[in-house]
C-alpha atoms as a PDB file:
ATOM      1  CA  UNK A   1       0.000   0.000   0.000  1.00  0.00           C
ATOM      2  CA  UNK A   2       2.914   2.393   0.521  1.00  0.00           C
ATOM      3  CA  UNK A   3       3.572   2.254  -3.199  1.00  0.00           C
ATOM      4  CA  UNK A   4       0.103   3.574  -4.052  1.00  0.00           C
ATOM      5  CA  UNK A   5       0.467   6.477  -1.624  1.00  0.00           C
ATOM      6  CA  UNK A   6       3.866   7.486  -3.002  1.00  0.00           C
ATOM      7  CA  UNK A   7       2.559   7.588  -6.572  1.00  0.00           C
ATOM      8  CA  UNK A   8       1.973  11.181  -7.748  1.00  0.00           C
ATOM      9  CA  UNK A   9      -1.619  12.288  -8.043  1.00  0.00           C
ATOM     10  CA  UNK A  10      -2.832  12.719 -11.636  1.00  0.00           C
ATOM     11  CA  UNK A  11      -4.269  16.197 -12.272  1.00  0.00           C
ATOM     12  CA  UNK A  12      -7.723  16.524 -13.814  1.00  0.00           C
ATOM     13  CA  UNK A  13      -6.396  19.026 -16.377  1.00  0.00           C
ATOM     14  CA  UNK A  14      -2.907  18.804 -17.862  1.00  0.00           C
ATOM     15  CA  UNK A  15      -0.821  21.736 -16.578  1.00  0.00           C
ATOM     16  CA  UNK A  16       1.196  21.707 -19.813  1.00  0.00           C
ATOM     17  CA  UNK A  17      -1.426  21.708 -22.589  1.00  0.00           C
ATOM     18  CA  UNK A  18      -4.696  22.237 -20.684  1.00  0.00           C
ATOM     19  CA  UNK A  19      -6.453  19.070 -21.956  1.00  0.00           C
ATOM     20  CA  UNK A  20      -8.521  16.790 -19.704  1.00  0.00           C
ATOM     21  CA  UNK A  21      -6.570  13.874 -18.242  1.00  0.00           C
ATOM     22  CA  UNK A  22      -8.351  10.586 -17.436  1.00  0.00           C
ATOM     23  CA  UNK A  23      -8.242   9.481 -13.775  1.00  0.00           C
ATOM     24  CA  UNK A  24      -5.167   7.391 -12.850  1.00  0.00           C
ATOM     25  CA  UNK A  25      -3.509   8.130 -16.212  1.00  0.00           C
ATOM     26  CA  UNK A  26       0.252   7.772 -16.346  1.00  0.00           C
ATOM     27  CA  UNK A  27       0.614  10.619 -18.864  1.00  0.00           C
ATOM     28  CA  UNK A  28      -1.455  13.218 -20.697  1.00  0.00           C
ATOM     29  CA  UNK A  29      -3.018  11.589 -23.788  1.00  0.00           C
ATOM     30  CA  UNK A  30      -2.679  14.858 -25.740  1.00  0.00           C
ATOM     31  CA  UNK A  31       0.894  16.066 -25.115  1.00  0.00           C
ATOM     32  CA  UNK A  32       2.511  13.172 -23.229  1.00  0.00           C
ATOM     33  CA  UNK A  33       3.422  15.167 -20.130  1.00  0.00           C
ATOM     34  CA  UNK A  34       3.844  13.093 -16.974  1.00  0.00           C
ATOM     35  CA  UNK A  35       5.060  13.580 -13.414  1.00  0.00           C
ATOM     36  CA  UNK A  36       8.687  13.700 -14.519  1.00  0.00           C
ATOM     37  CA  UNK A  37       8.143  16.166 -17.340  1.00  0.00           C
ATOM     38  CA  UNK A  38       5.612  18.553 -15.892  1.00  0.00           C
ATOM     39  CA  UNK A  39       3.204  17.245 -13.268  1.00  0.00           C
ATOM     40  CA  UNK A  40       3.973  18.088  -9.688  1.00  0.00           C
ATOM     41  CA  UNK A  41       2.108  17.976  -6.392  1.00  0.00           C
ATOM     42  CA  UNK A  42       0.998  21.569  -7.039  1.00  0.00           C
ATOM     43  CA  UNK A  43      -0.020  20.874 -10.656  1.00  0.00           C
ATOM     44  CA  UNK A  44      -3.606  21.976 -10.099  1.00  0.00           C
ATOM     45  CA  UNK A  45      -2.650  25.630  -9.537  1.00  0.00           C
ATOM     46  CA  UNK A  46      -1.488  26.068 -13.164  1.00  0.00           C
ATOM     47  CA  UNK A  47       2.136  26.932 -12.428  1.00  0.00           C
ATOM     48  CA  UNK A  48       3.212  24.605 -15.231  1.00  0.00           C
ATOM     49  CA  UNK A  49       1.480  26.754 -17.838  1.00  0.00           C
ATOM     50  CA  UNK A  50       3.696  29.228 -19.649  1.00  0.00           C
ATOM     51  CA  UNK A  51       1.309  32.178 -19.506  1.00  0.00           C
ATOM     52  CA  UNK A  52       2.480  35.697 -20.385  1.00  0.00           C
ATOM     53  CA  UNK A  53       2.808  38.333 -17.707  1.00  0.00           C
ATOM     54  CA  UNK A  54      -0.064  40.721 -17.049  1.00  0.00           C
ATOM     55  CA  UNK A  55       1.845  43.588 -18.694  1.00  0.00           C
ATOM     56  CA  UNK A  56       2.687  41.556 -21.841  1.00  0.00           C
ATOM     57  CA  UNK A  57       2.710  43.724 -24.978  1.00  0.00           C
ATOM     58  CA  UNK A  58       2.062  41.618 -28.073  1.00  0.00           C
ATOM     59  CA  UNK A  59       3.042  44.317 -30.570  1.00  0.00           C
ATOM     60  CA  UNK A  60       6.369  44.834 -28.800  1.00  0.00           C
ATOM     61  CA  UNK A  61       6.965  41.057 -28.791  1.00  0.00           C
ATOM     62  CA  UNK A  62       6.311  40.797 -32.553  1.00  0.00           C
ATOM     63  CA  UNK A  63       8.600  43.743 -33.267  1.00  0.00           C
ATOM     64  CA  UNK A  64      11.372  42.244 -31.111  1.00  0.00           C
ATOM     65  CA  UNK A  65      11.075  38.723 -32.574  1.00  0.00           C
ATOM     66  CA  UNK A  66      10.438  39.505 -36.232  1.00  0.00           C
ATOM     67  CA  UNK A  67      11.896  42.975 -36.673  1.00  0.00           C
ATOM     68  CA  UNK A  68      10.198  46.311 -36.488  1.00  0.00           C
ATOM     69  CA  UNK A  69      10.053  47.188 -40.158  1.00  0.00           C
ATOM     70  CA  UNK A  70       7.055  46.469 -42.331  1.00  0.00           C
ATOM     71  CA  UNK A  71       7.917  44.105 -45.182  1.00  0.00           C
ATOM     72  CA  UNK A  72       7.023  45.210 -48.724  1.00  0.00           C
ATOM     73  CA  UNK A  73       3.882  43.582 -50.045  1.00  0.00           C
ATOM     74  CA  UNK A  74       4.988  43.138 -53.651  1.00  0.00           C
ATOM     75  CA  UNK A  75       7.254  40.878 -55.654  1.00  0.00           C
ATOM     76  CA  UNK A  76      10.622  42.425 -56.397  1.00  0.00           C
ATOM     77  CA  UNK A  77      11.276  43.218 -60.074  1.00  0.00           C
ATOM     78  CA  UNK A  78      14.226  40.818 -60.261  1.00  0.00           C
ATOM     79  CA  UNK A  79      11.858  37.895 -59.640  1.00  0.00           C
ATOM     80  CA  UNK A  80       9.493  39.067 -62.394  1.00  0.00           C
ATOM     81  CA  UNK A  81      12.415  39.267 -64.824  1.00  0.00           C
ATOM     82  CA  UNK A  82      13.636  35.830 -63.752  1.00  0.00           C
ATOM     83  CA  UNK A  83      10.160  34.331 -64.226  1.00  0.00           C
ATOM     84  CA  UNK A  84       9.787  35.831 -67.710  1.00  0.00           C
ATOM     85  CA  UNK A  85      13.234  34.567 -68.779  1.00  0.00           C
ATOM     86  CA  UNK A  86      12.508  31.063 -67.473  1.00  0.00           C
ATOM     87  CA  UNK A  87       9.109  31.005 -69.161  1.00  0.00           C
ATOM     88  CA  UNK A  88      10.655  32.125 -72.483  1.00  0.00           C
ATOM     89  CA  UNK A  89      13.352  29.435 -72.174  1.00  0.00           C
ATOM     90  CA  UNK A  90      10.759  26.748 -71.490  1.00  0.00           C
ATOM     91  CA  UNK A  91       8.624  27.860 -74.446  1.00  0.00           C
ATOM     92  CA  UNK A  92      11.686  27.924 -76.726  1.00  0.00           C
ATOM     93  CA  UNK A  93      12.656  24.421 -75.568  1.00  0.00           C
ATOM     94  CA  UNK A  94       9.127  23.108 -76.132  1.00  0.00           C
ATOM     95  CA  UNK A  95       8.979  24.746 -79.578  1.00  0.00           C
ATOM     96  CA  UNK A  96      12.267  23.148 -80.618  1.00  0.00           C
ATOM     97  CA  UNK A  97      10.935  19.706 -79.675  1.00  0.00           C
ATOM     98  CA  UNK A  98       7.810  20.184 -81.784  1.00  0.00           C
ATOM     99  CA  UNK A  99       9.594  21.365 -84.968  1.00  0.00           C
END
């Protein structure tokens, strides 16, 4: 009986991914988290969730991670020229096979 008492308690909701966990499950069926990888005695309080701080600024995060400048919305002229040259070469190659 000591073995059953020393076994960690399975949380009702996975503290890693937030999915429901069946009673007496050894691991989360959704993400695979278990006592060694994320469940603890205090798993029910949600400390395992990586939630942003209250003062989290999404726009600042995006600017820091992906750069602050706005990317141009068009295709650069060099790619248009390249596409036209490739298309002309393919048409010339197909025409030489036909004649």
